Amino acid sequence: MIEAGFDEVRRRAPWPAAGEESGTSGPESVRFQAMRVGYFAVDSDSTDERVVLNRIVSLKEDSGKS
């Protein structure tokens, strides 16, 4: 399940720094944070019909929370 607004993030990516050109343009240039899960990158195997995600950083779970 992907949050609402993901298609907008994918459409507008990548975000080059001001005044710079981006050297990447494939789906793997999309980076985002999934709420309370981790950071993900869209895989180059993704299509418009099927999104493939790669977790690049997991968020640490706080064992003290209940």
PDB file of N, CA and C in Angstrom:
ATOM      1  N   MET A   1       0.843  -1.170   0.000  1.00  0.00           N
ATOM      2  CA  MET A   1       0.000   0.000   0.000  1.00  0.00           C
ATOM      3  C   MET A   1       0.894   1.240   0.000  1.00  0.00           C
ATOM      4  N   ILE A   2       0.636   2.130  -0.915  1.00  0.00           N
ATOM      5  CA  ILE A   2       1.405   3.362  -1.030  1.00  0.00           C
ATOM      6  C   ILE A   2       0.499   4.527  -0.688  1.00  0.00           C
ATOM      7  N   GLU A   3       1.044   5.468   0.073  1.00  0.00           N
ATOM      8  CA  GLU A   3       0.247   6.618   0.514  1.00  0.00           C
ATOM      9  C   GLU A   3      -0.228   7.476  -0.649  1.00  0.00           C
ATOM     10  N   ALA A   4      -1.343   8.145  -0.420  1.00  0.00           N
ATOM     11  CA  ALA A   4      -1.846   9.100  -1.402  1.00  0.00           C
ATOM     12  C   ALA A   4      -0.784  10.163  -1.636  1.00  0.00           C
ATOM     13  N   GLY A   5      -0.626  10.582  -2.855  1.00  0.00           N
ATOM     14  CA  GLY A   5       0.375  11.584  -3.178  1.00  0.00           C
ATOM     15  C   GLY A   5       1.665  11.008  -3.724  1.00  0.00           C
ATOM     16  N   PHE A   6       1.821   9.681  -3.686  1.00  0.00           N
ATOM     17  CA  PHE A   6       3.052   9.073  -4.186  1.00  0.00           C
ATOM     18  C   PHE A   6       3.245   9.345  -5.674  1.00  0.00           C
ATOM     19  N   ASP A   7       2.167   9.288  -6.450  1.00  0.00           N
ATOM     20  CA  ASP A   7       2.286   9.537  -7.888  1.00  0.00           C
ATOM     21  C   ASP A   7       2.819  10.936  -8.159  1.00  0.00           C
ATOM     22  N   GLU A   8       2.429  11.908  -7.335  1.00  0.00           N
ATOM     23  CA  GLU A   8       2.939  13.276  -7.473  1.00  0.00           C
ATOM     24  C   GLU A   8       4.428  13.330  -7.144  1.00  0.00           C
ATOM     25  N   VAL A   9       4.854  12.618  -6.108  1.00  0.00           N
ATOM     26  CA  VAL A   9       6.274  12.565  -5.748  1.00  0.00           C
ATOM     27  C   VAL A   9       7.060  11.950  -6.895  1.00  0.00           C
ATOM     28  N   ARG A  10       6.561  10.856  -7.438  1.00  0.00           N
ATOM     29  CA  ARG A  10       7.248  10.167  -8.532  1.00  0.00           C
ATOM     30  C   ARG A  10       7.311  11.055  -9.783  1.00  0.00           C
ATOM     31  N   ARG A  11       6.244  11.775 -10.066  1.00  0.00           N
ATOM     32  CA  ARG A  11       6.191  12.622 -11.259  1.00  0.00           C
ATOM     33  C   ARG A  11       7.193  13.775 -11.172  1.00  0.00           C
ATOM     34  N   ARG A  12       7.377  14.328  -9.981  1.00  0.00           N
ATOM     35  CA  ARG A  12       8.223  15.515  -9.812  1.00  0.00           C
ATOM     36  C   ARG A  12       9.687  15.191  -9.530  1.00  0.00           C
ATOM     37  N   ALA A  13      10.032  13.948  -9.273  1.00  0.00           N
ATOM     38  CA  ALA A  13      11.410  13.573  -8.955  1.00  0.00           C
ATOM     39  C   ALA A  13      12.237  13.480 -10.235  1.00  0.00           C
ATOM     40  N   PRO A  14      13.551  13.607 -10.165  1.00  0.00           N
ATOM     41  CA  PRO A  14      14.339  13.984  -8.993  1.00  0.00           C
ATOM     42  C   PRO A  14      14.335  15.489  -8.793  1.00  0.00           C
ATOM     43  N   TRP A  15      14.783  15.913  -7.627  1.00  0.00           N
ATOM     44  CA  TRP A  15      14.853  17.337  -7.304  1.00  0.00           C
ATOM     45  C   TRP A  15      16.310  17.767  -7.299  1.00  0.00           C
ATOM     46  N   PRO A  16      16.816  18.276  -8.413  1.00  0.00           N
ATOM     47  CA  PRO A  16      18.213  18.742  -8.389  1.00  0.00           C
ATOM     48  C   PRO A  16      18.341  19.994  -7.524  1.00  0.00           C
ATOM     49  N   ALA A  17      19.525  20.204  -6.987  1.00  0.00           N
ATOM     50  CA  ALA A  17      19.780  21.416  -6.200  1.00  0.00           C
ATOM     51  C   ALA A  17      19.590  22.631  -7.102  1.00  0.00           C
ATOM     52  N   ALA A  18      19.291  23.749  -6.523  1.00  0.00           N
ATOM     53  CA  ALA A  18      19.033  24.973  -7.290  1.00  0.00           C
ATOM     54  C   ALA A  18      20.189  25.262  -8.240  1.00  0.00           C
ATOM     55  N   GLY A  19      19.871  25.463  -9.513  1.00  0.00           N
ATOM     56  CA  GLY A  19      20.881  25.793 -10.505  1.00  0.00           C
ATOM     57  C   GLY A  19      21.672  24.618 -11.028  1.00  0.00           C
ATOM     58  N   GLU A  20      21.343  23.402 -10.600  1.00  0.00           N
ATOM     59  CA  GLU A  20      22.065  22.213 -11.052  1.00  0.00           C
ATOM     60  C   GLU A  20      21.156  21.337 -11.885  1.00  0.00           C
ATOM     61  N   GLU A  21      21.769  20.609 -12.804  1.00  0.00           N
ATOM     62  CA  GLU A  21      21.036  19.635 -13.600  1.00  0.00           C
ATOM     63  C   GLU A  21      21.199  18.271 -12.948  1.00  0.00           C
ATOM     64  N   SER A  22      20.173  17.468 -13.036  1.00  0.00           N
ATOM     65  CA  SER A  22      20.233  16.118 -12.489  1.00  0.00           C
ATOM     66  C   SER A  22      20.806  15.170 -13.535  1.00  0.00           C
ATOM     67  N   GLY A  23      21.668  14.260 -13.116  1.00  0.00           N
ATOM     68  CA  GLY A  23      22.249  13.294 -14.038  1.00  0.00           C
ATOM     69  C   GLY A  23      21.442  12.017 -14.139  1.00  0.00           C
ATOM     70  N   THR A  24      20.437  11.846 -13.292  1.00  0.00           N
ATOM     71  CA  THR A  24      19.623  10.643 -13.325  1.00  0.00           C
ATOM     72  C   THR A  24      18.198  11.000 -13.677  1.00  0.00           C
ATOM     73  N   SER A  25      17.553  10.092 -14.410  1.00  0.00           N
ATOM     74  CA  SER A  25      16.184  10.386 -14.809  1.00  0.00           C
ATOM     75  C   SER A  25      15.272   9.175 -14.738  1.00  0.00           C
ATOM     76  N   GLY A  26      15.780   8.004 -14.360  1.00  0.00           N
ATOM     77  CA  GLY A  26      14.956   6.809 -14.290  1.00  0.00           C
ATOM     78  C   GLY A  26      14.157   6.751 -13.009  1.00  0.00           C
ATOM     79  N   PRO A  27      13.343   5.710 -12.871  1.00  0.00           N
ATOM     80  CA  PRO A  27      12.535   5.591 -11.655  1.00  0.00           C
ATOM     81  C   PRO A  27      13.376   5.479 -10.394  1.00  0.00           C
ATOM     82  N   GLU A  28      14.601   4.977 -10.509  1.00  0.00           N
ATOM     83  CA  GLU A  28      15.455   4.826  -9.331  1.00  0.00           C
ATOM     84  C   GLU A  28      15.920   6.161  -8.766  1.00  0.00           C
ATOM     85  N   SER A  29      15.608   7.271  -9.429  1.00  0.00           N
ATOM     86  CA  SER A  29      15.963   8.590  -8.909  1.00  0.00           C
ATOM     87  C   SER A  29      14.963   9.086  -7.870  1.00  0.00           C
ATOM     88  N   VAL A  30      13.856   8.366  -7.681  1.00  0.00           N
ATOM     89  CA  VAL A  30      12.824   8.764  -6.717  1.00  0.00           C
ATOM     90  C   VAL A  30      13.223   8.274  -5.333  1.00  0.00           C
ATOM     91  N   ARG A  31      13.261   9.181  -4.355  1.00  0.00           N
ATOM     92  CA  ARG A  31      13.567   8.853  -2.958  1.00  0.00           C
ATOM     93  C   ARG A  31      12.489   9.468  -2.089  1.00  0.00           C
ATOM     94  N   PHE A  32      12.070   8.741  -1.046  1.00  0.00           N
ATOM     95  CA  PHE A  32      11.048   9.274  -0.157  1.00  0.00           C
ATOM     96  C   PHE A  32      11.083   8.534   1.164  1.00  0.00           C
ATOM     97  N   GLN A  33      10.456   9.121   2.197  1.00  0.00           N
ATOM     98  CA  GLN A  33      10.338   8.482   3.497  1.00  0.00           C
ATOM     99  C   GLN A  33       8.925   7.963   3.657  1.00  0.00           C
ATOM    100  N   ALA A  34       8.810   6.670   3.958  1.00  0.00           N
ATOM    101  CA  ALA A  34       7.512   6.083   4.284  1.00  0.00           C
ATOM    102  C   ALA A  34       7.284   6.322   5.774  1.00  0.00           C
ATOM    103  N   MET A  35       6.120   6.772   6.121  1.00  0.00           N
ATOM    104  CA  MET A  35       5.832   7.139   7.504  1.00  0.00           C
ATOM    105  C   MET A  35       6.129   5.995   8.474  1.00  0.00           C
ATOM    106  N   ARG A  36       7.053   6.248   9.386  1.00  0.00           N
ATOM    107  CA  ARG A  36       7.402   5.350  10.491  1.00  0.00           C
ATOM    108  C   ARG A  36       7.937   3.990  10.053  1.00  0.00           C
ATOM    109  N   VAL A  37       8.393   3.877   8.808  1.00  0.00           N
ATOM    110  CA  VAL A  37       8.909   2.606   8.316  1.00  0.00           C
ATOM    111  C   VAL A  37      10.375   2.730   7.929  1.00  0.00           C
ATOM    112  N   GLY A  38      10.691   3.664   7.053  1.00  0.00           N
ATOM    113  CA  GLY A  38      12.057   3.828   6.577  1.00  0.00           C
ATOM    114  C   GLY A  38      12.101   4.697   5.344  1.00  0.00           C
ATOM    115  N   TYR A  39      13.270   4.739   4.738  1.00  0.00           N
ATOM    116  CA  TYR A  39      13.455   5.485   3.491  1.00  0.00           C
ATOM    117  C   TYR A  39      13.543   4.484   2.353  1.00  0.00           C
ATOM    118  N   PHE A  40      12.925   4.835   1.240  1.00  0.00           N
ATOM    119  CA  PHE A  40      12.837   3.930   0.104  1.00  0.00           C
ATOM    120  C   PHE A  40      13.264   4.615  -1.183  1.00  0.00           C
ATOM    121  N   ALA A  41      13.698   3.801  -2.136  1.00  0.00           N
ATOM    122  CA  ALA A  41      13.991   4.257  -3.496  1.00  0.00           C
ATOM    123  C   ALA A  41      13.148   3.409  -4.436  1.00  0.00           C
ATOM    124  N   VAL A  42      12.674   4.016  -5.498  1.00  0.00           N
ATOM    125  CA  VAL A  42      11.916   3.276  -6.502  1.00  0.00           C
ATOM    126  C   VAL A  42      12.915   2.512  -7.360  1.00  0.00           C
ATOM    127  N   ASP A  43      12.659   1.222  -7.571  1.00  0.00           N
ATOM    128  CA  ASP A  43      13.546   0.351  -8.332  1.00  0.00           C
ATOM    129  C   ASP A  43      13.440   0.632  -9.825  1.00  0.00           C
ATOM    130  N   SER A  44      14.524   0.378 -10.545  1.00  0.00           N
ATOM    131  CA  SER A  44      14.527   0.589 -11.996  1.00  0.00           C
ATOM    132  C   SER A  44      13.604  -0.384 -12.718  1.00  0.00           C
ATOM    133  N   ASP A  45      13.172  -1.459 -12.057  1.00  0.00           N
ATOM    134  CA  ASP A  45      12.224  -2.411 -12.647  1.00  0.00           C
ATOM    135  C   ASP A  45      10.781  -1.923 -12.562  1.00  0.00           C
ATOM    136  N   SER A  46      10.541  -0.783 -11.938  1.00  0.00           N
ATOM    137  CA  SER A  46       9.182  -0.247 -11.799  1.00  0.00           C
ATOM    138  C   SER A  46       8.614   0.160 -13.153  1.00  0.00           C
ATOM    139  N   THR A  47       7.296   0.009 -13.267  1.00  0.00           N
ATOM    140  CA  THR A  47       6.567   0.469 -14.446  1.00  0.00           C
ATOM    141  C   THR A  47       5.432   1.359 -13.957  1.00  0.00           C
ATOM    142  N   ASP A  48       4.678   1.942 -14.889  1.00  0.00           N
ATOM    143  CA  ASP A  48       3.528   2.757 -14.496  1.00  0.00           C
ATOM    144  C   ASP A  48       2.473   1.921 -13.783  1.00  0.00           C
ATOM    145  N   GLU A  49       2.389   0.638 -14.109  1.00  0.00           N
ATOM    146  CA  GLU A  49       1.382  -0.238 -13.508  1.00  0.00           C
ATOM    147  C   GLU A  49       1.868  -0.927 -12.241  1.00  0.00           C
ATOM    148  N   ARG A  50       3.186  -1.088 -12.074  1.00  0.00           N
ATOM    149  CA  ARG A  50       3.735  -1.860 -10.959  1.00  0.00           C
ATOM    150  C   ARG A  50       4.927  -1.117 -10.364  1.00  0.00           C
ATOM    151  N   VAL A  51       4.804  -0.705  -9.109  1.00  0.00           N
ATOM    152  CA  VAL A  51       5.880   0.013  -8.423  1.00  0.00           C
ATOM    153  C   VAL A  51       6.683  -0.982  -7.596  1.00  0.00           C
ATOM    154  N   VAL A  52       8.004  -0.987  -7.789  1.00  0.00           N
ATOM    155  CA  VAL A  52       8.912  -1.829  -7.019  1.00  0.00           C
ATOM    156  C   VAL A  52       9.751  -0.904  -6.147  1.00  0.00           C
ATOM    157  N   LEU A  53       9.750  -1.154  -4.832  1.00  0.00           N
ATOM    158  CA  LEU A  53      10.461  -0.297  -3.883  1.00  0.00           C
ATOM    159  C   LEU A  53      11.628  -1.038  -3.250  1.00  0.00           C
ATOM    160  N   ASN A  54      12.716  -0.331  -3.008  1.00  0.00           N
ATOM    161  CA  ASN A  54      13.872  -0.854  -2.286  1.00  0.00           C
ATOM    162  C   ASN A  54      14.044  -0.037  -1.015  1.00  0.00           C
ATOM    163  N   ARG A  55      14.065  -0.724   0.139  1.00  0.00           N
ATOM    164  CA  ARG A  55      14.301  -0.009   1.399  1.00  0.00           C
ATOM    165  C   ARG A  55      15.783   0.323   1.465  1.00  0.00           C
ATOM    166  N   ILE A  56      16.100   1.600   1.676  1.00  0.00           N
ATOM    167  CA  ILE A  56      17.499   2.003   1.749  1.00  0.00           C
ATOM    168  C   ILE A  56      17.931   2.325   3.178  1.00  0.00           C
ATOM    169  N   VAL A  57      16.974   2.651   4.064  1.00  0.00           N
ATOM    170  CA  VAL A  57      17.259   2.878   5.486  1.00  0.00           C
ATOM    171  C   VAL A  57      16.029   2.469   6.286  1.00  0.00           C
ATOM    172  N   SER A  58      16.222   1.658   7.318  1.00  0.00           N
ATOM    173  CA  SER A  58      15.132   1.327   8.236  1.00  0.00           C
ATOM    174  C   SER A  58      15.133   2.327   9.380  1.00  0.00           C
ATOM    175  N   LEU A  59      13.955   2.655   9.862  1.00  0.00           N
ATOM    176  CA  LEU A  59      13.864   3.520  11.032  1.00  0.00           C
ATOM    177  C   LEU A  59      13.948   2.657  12.279  1.00  0.00           C
ATOM    178  N   LYS A  60      14.716   3.116  13.248  1.00  0.00           N
ATOM    179  CA  LYS A  60      14.907   2.366  14.478  1.00  0.00           C
ATOM    180  C   LYS A  60      13.631   2.408  15.306  1.00  0.00           C
ATOM    181  N   GLU A  61      13.214   1.261  15.770  1.00  0.00           N
ATOM    182  CA  GLU A  61      12.034   1.159  16.630  1.00  0.00           C
ATOM    183  C   GLU A  61      12.467   1.426  18.065  1.00  0.00           C
ATOM    184  N   ASP A  62      11.763   2.312  18.743  1.00  0.00           N
ATOM    185  CA  ASP A  62      12.058   2.636  20.135  1.00  0.00           C
ATOM    186  C   ASP A  62      11.370   1.611  21.024  1.00  0.00           C
ATOM    187  N   SER A  63      12.147   0.735  21.672  1.00  0.00           N
ATOM    188  CA  SER A  63      11.572  -0.317  22.511  1.00  0.00           C
ATOM    189  C   SER A  63      10.916   0.245  23.767  1.00  0.00           C
ATOM    190  N   GLY A  64      11.212   1.495  24.133  1.00  0.00           N
ATOM    191  CA  GLY A  64      10.631   2.119  25.311  1.00  0.00           C
ATOM    192  C   GLY A  64       9.222   2.630  25.097  1.00  0.00           C
ATOM    193  N   LYS A  65       8.791   2.736  23.840  1.00  0.00           N
ATOM    194  CA  LYS A  65       7.433   3.211  23.558  1.00  0.00           C
ATOM    195  C   LYS A  65       6.436   2.083  23.744  1.00  0.00           C
ATOM    196  N   SER A  66       5.262   2.434  24.220  1.00  0.00           N
ATOM    197  CA  SER A  66       4.218   1.407  24.340  1.00  0.00           C
ATOM    198  C   SER A  66       2.869   1.981  24.038  1.00  0.00           C
TER     199      SER A  66
END
